[in-house]
Protein backbone atom coordinates (compact mmCIF):
# COMPACT_ATOMS: atom_id res chain seq x y z
CA MET A 1 85.34 150.12 83.00
CA LYS A 2 87.59 150.54 79.98
CA ARG A 3 91.03 148.99 80.46
CA LEU A 4 94.10 151.15 79.97
CA ARG A 5 95.86 150.56 76.65
CA ILE A 6 99.60 150.17 77.14
CA LEU A 7 102.47 150.12 74.62
CA LEU A 8 105.82 148.60 75.65
CA GLY A 9 109.32 149.43 74.41
CA ASP A 10 112.57 147.61 75.28
CA ASP A 11 115.34 146.14 73.15
CA HIS A 12 115.54 142.95 75.26
CA SER A 13 112.85 140.44 74.24
CA LEU A 14 112.92 138.62 77.59
CA ILE A 15 112.27 141.86 79.47
CA LEU A 16 109.47 142.78 77.07
CA SER A 17 107.89 139.39 77.62
CA GLY A 18 108.19 139.75 81.39
CA ILE A 19 106.61 143.22 81.45
CA LYS A 20 103.81 142.03 79.19
CA GLY A 21 103.16 139.06 81.48
CA LEU A 22 103.03 141.31 84.52
CA LEU A 23 100.66 143.89 83.07
CA GLU A 24 98.35 142.00 80.72
CA HIS A 25 96.13 140.64 83.51
CA GLN A 26 94.98 144.17 84.38
CA TYR A 27 95.63 146.16 81.22
CA GLU A 28 95.40 145.82 77.44
CA ILE A 29 98.86 145.51 75.88
CA VAL A 30 98.46 147.03 72.42
CA GLY A 31 101.98 146.57 71.08
CA LEU A 32 105.68 145.85 71.61
CA ALA A 33 108.66 147.71 70.13
CA ASP A 34 112.36 146.83 70.19
CA ASN A 35 113.86 150.26 69.46
CA GLY A 36 112.97 153.90 69.96
CA LYS A 37 112.09 154.61 66.34
CA ASN A 38 109.67 151.70 66.12
CA LEU A 39 108.20 152.71 69.47
CA VAL A 40 107.42 156.24 68.28
CA GLU A 41 105.85 154.93 65.08
CA ALA A 42 103.74 152.45 67.04
CA ALA A 43 102.64 155.13 69.50
CA LEU A 44 101.54 157.49 66.74
CA HIS A 45 99.56 154.68 65.11
CA LEU A 46 98.07 153.05 68.22
CA LYS A 47 97.62 156.15 70.44
CA PRO A 48 98.01 154.26 73.74
CA ASP A 49 97.02 155.62 77.14
CA VAL A 50 100.40 154.67 78.60
CA VAL A 51 103.83 153.91 77.17
CA VAL A 52 106.35 151.93 79.22
CA LEU A 53 109.86 152.30 77.82
CA ASP A 54 113.53 151.73 78.56
CA ILE A 55 116.09 154.52 78.21
CA SER A 56 118.87 152.58 76.49
CA MET A 57 117.32 151.59 73.17
CA PRO A 58 119.02 151.51 69.76
CA VAL A 59 118.33 153.85 66.81
CA LEU A 60 116.47 156.34 69.03
CA ASN A 61 117.00 156.41 72.80
CA GLY A 62 114.08 156.34 75.21
CA ILE A 63 114.39 159.98 76.27
CA ASP A 64 114.12 161.31 72.73
CA ALA A 65 111.44 158.76 71.86
CA MET A 66 109.47 160.08 74.83
CA ARG A 67 109.90 163.67 73.67
CA GLU A 68 108.49 162.80 70.25
CA ILE A 69 105.60 160.84 71.74
CA LYS A 70 104.71 163.61 74.21
CA ARG A 71 104.92 166.23 71.48
CA ALA A 72 102.43 164.35 69.30
CA LEU A 73 100.35 162.77 72.08
CA PRO A 74 100.54 165.03 75.14
CA ALA A 75 97.81 163.10 76.97
CA THR A 76 99.73 159.82 76.75
CA LYS A 77 101.51 158.97 80.00
CA VAL A 78 105.09 157.70 79.73
CA ILE A 79 106.68 155.43 82.33
CA VAL A 80 110.44 154.88 82.25
CA LEU A 81 111.48 151.38 83.35
CA THR A 82 115.26 151.28 83.54
CA MET A 83 118.34 149.92 85.26
CA HIS A 84 119.86 153.42 85.51
CA GLN A 85 120.17 154.76 89.04
CA ASN A 86 122.29 157.73 87.93
CA THR A 87 120.38 160.94 88.65
CA ILE A 88 121.23 162.45 85.25
CA TYR A 89 118.85 159.93 83.66
CA LEU A 90 116.14 160.65 86.22
CA GLN A 91 116.47 164.37 85.51
CA LYS A 92 116.37 163.94 81.73
CA ALA A 93 113.36 161.64 81.95
CA LEU A 94 111.30 163.93 84.18
CA GLU A 95 112.23 167.00 82.15
CA ALA A 96 111.08 165.18 79.00
CA GLY A 97 107.69 164.60 80.58
CA ALA A 98 107.87 161.16 82.22
CA SER A 99 105.05 160.35 84.62
CA ALA A 100 107.12 157.71 86.40
CA TYR A 101 110.71 156.51 86.75
CA VAL A 102 110.93 152.90 87.90
CA LEU A 103 114.09 150.87 88.47
CA LYS A 104 114.22 147.36 87.03
CA SER A 105 115.99 146.25 90.20
CA GLY A 106 112.86 147.06 92.22
CA ALA A 107 109.85 144.89 92.99
CA ALA A 108 107.37 144.09 90.23
CA GLU A 109 104.65 145.80 92.25
CA GLU A 110 106.45 149.13 91.71
CA LEU A 111 105.59 149.09 88.03
CA LEU A 112 101.94 148.37 88.80
CA THR A 113 101.93 151.26 91.26
CA ALA A 114 103.57 153.53 88.68
CA VAL A 115 100.89 152.74 86.08
CA GLU A 116 98.15 153.44 88.60
CA LYS A 117 99.72 156.75 89.70
CA ALA A 118 100.35 157.85 86.11
CA ASP A 119 96.73 157.15 85.20
CA GLN A 120 95.71 159.39 88.11
CA GLY A 121 97.89 162.21 86.80
CA MET A 122 100.50 161.79 89.51
CA VAL A 123 104.28 161.35 89.30
CA TYR A 124 105.94 158.23 90.71
CA VAL A 125 109.69 157.78 91.28
CA SER A 126 111.33 154.67 92.72
CA SER A 127 112.50 155.04 96.30
CA GLY A 128 116.22 155.68 96.69
CA PHE A 129 116.29 159.01 94.90
CA PRO A 130 116.48 162.10 97.16
CA VAL A 131 113.00 163.58 97.57
CA ASN A 132 114.33 167.14 97.38
CA LEU A 133 116.04 166.35 94.07
CA VAL A 134 112.83 164.99 92.58
CA ASP A 135 110.89 168.03 93.81
CA THR A 136 113.46 170.40 92.29
CA ILE A 137 113.36 168.61 88.94
CA LEU A 138 109.57 168.65 88.86
CA ARG A 139 109.48 172.38 89.62
CA THR A 140 111.75 173.10 86.69
CA ARG A 141 110.77 170.25 84.35
CA ASN A 142 109.73 172.64 81.57
CA LYS A 143 113.16 174.25 81.52
CA THR A 144 115.80 172.44 79.51
CA ALA A 145 119.39 173.26 78.69
CA ARG A 146 119.82 175.83 75.93
CA SER A 147 122.18 173.57 74.01
CA ALA A 148 119.55 170.84 73.85
CA LEU A 149 116.85 173.25 72.69
CA GLU A 150 119.06 174.42 69.82
CA LEU A 151 118.99 170.95 68.25
CA THR A 152 116.11 169.69 66.15
CA SER A 153 114.74 166.20 66.77
CA ARG A 154 116.47 165.04 63.57
CA GLN A 155 119.80 166.49 64.68
CA ARG A 156 119.47 164.78 68.06
CA GLN A 157 118.79 161.48 66.31
CA VAL A 158 121.83 161.90 64.05
CA LEU A 159 123.92 162.88 67.08
CA GLN A 160 122.94 159.69 68.89
CA LEU A 161 123.73 157.53 65.87
CA VAL A 162 127.10 159.23 65.32
CA ALA A 163 127.95 158.81 69.00
CA GLU A 164 127.01 155.12 68.73
CA GLY A 165 129.82 154.81 66.17
CA ARG A 166 127.66 154.38 63.08
CA GLN A 167 128.98 155.48 59.69
CA ASN A 168 127.23 157.98 57.40
CA LYS A 169 125.88 155.35 55.02
CA GLU A 170 124.40 153.30 57.88
CA ILE A 171 122.83 156.42 59.42
CA ALA A 172 121.34 157.36 56.05
CA ASN A 173 119.74 153.92 55.74
CA ILE A 174 118.33 154.05 59.27
CA ILE A 175 116.68 157.47 58.99
CA HIS A 176 115.87 157.18 55.26
CA VAL A 177 117.82 160.16 53.93
CA SER A 178 120.77 160.56 51.58
CA VAL A 179 124.38 160.31 52.72
CA ARG A 180 124.78 163.95 51.71
CA THR A 181 121.97 164.92 54.13
CA VAL A 182 123.69 163.02 56.94
CA GLU A 183 126.93 164.84 56.16
CA PHE A 184 125.05 168.14 56.33
CA HIS A 185 123.58 167.26 59.74
CA ARG A 186 127.00 166.22 61.06
CA SER A 187 128.50 169.49 59.89
CA SER A 188 125.65 171.48 61.47
CA LEU A 189 126.09 169.60 64.75
CA MET A 190 129.82 170.30 64.84
CA GLN A 191 129.16 173.99 64.21
CA LYS A 192 126.28 174.37 66.69
CA LEU A 193 128.06 172.53 69.48
CA GLY A 194 131.53 173.89 68.79
CA ALA A 195 132.82 170.35 68.37
CA ASN A 196 135.93 169.52 66.38
CA SER A 197 135.72 165.73 66.46
CA VAL A 198 133.39 162.77 66.86
CA ALA A 199 134.82 162.33 70.36
CA GLU A 200 133.54 165.79 71.32
CA LEU A 201 130.13 165.03 69.81
CA THR A 202 130.09 161.81 71.81
CA ARG A 203 130.87 163.66 75.04
CA PHE A 204 127.93 165.99 74.40
CA ALA A 205 125.66 163.02 73.66
CA ILE A 206 126.65 161.49 77.00
CA GLN A 207 125.95 164.77 78.82
CA GLU A 208 122.51 164.91 77.22
CA GLY A 209 121.78 161.30 78.17
CA LEU A 210 121.52 160.22 74.51
CA ILE A 211 124.00 157.38 75.04
CA GLU A 212 125.67 155.78 78.03
CA GLY A 213 129.06 156.99 79.21
CA PRO A 214 131.60 154.51 80.63
CA GLN A 215 130.77 155.62 84.16
CA MET A 216 127.04 155.05 83.58
CA VAL A 217 127.05 151.63 81.96
CA HIS A 218 127.64 149.93 85.32
CA ASP A 219 125.65 152.26 87.52
CA ALA A 220 123.12 149.59 88.45
CA PRO A 221 123.76 146.85 91.01
CA PRO A 222 124.45 143.38 89.63
CA ALA A 223 121.34 141.31 89.01
């Protein structure tokens, strides 16, 4: 029987190596990516059966990377492997089309179970999250907030980079556009979101799960 082809994305090389070591005995690992942008590019090129990704990745966060992957490759299953126990991340991940949400603090066998369930077309969520919450999210997973729908994928990427504290020139280099184009996107974001400062843009980015807020950075138990 043909082995599942899996692509991995995480900005920590030790974690990537550990995931690869866990999965490669049963599955074909077709590639590794250390940020969301590289992960999307690899997915479009390799067309894997399954993508395992972290949420908190630089350049393009895991949620938006998943949206781009699912838009181009709807049959590809995406498994989120994260430290985040905050339900806002669970909600964003499932709404974006995740087939599984697995906590890094859980047992290694959970990830193997998640891959198996995803391949069967099922949804797997680590224990600890309220079952009724998961059911509610799944029933409404195709409905997203109006504010998020109003932003293009490029605007969401610029928003994340601005909220990460990057300057216009650095953003332009990352997404391969002119500084003037970045300035245009920033202006459009401020107008669309009714924001008057970078701080307000950052607050919106936190609400959308694009970056971590102070209260979310330490939401996982110590290792």
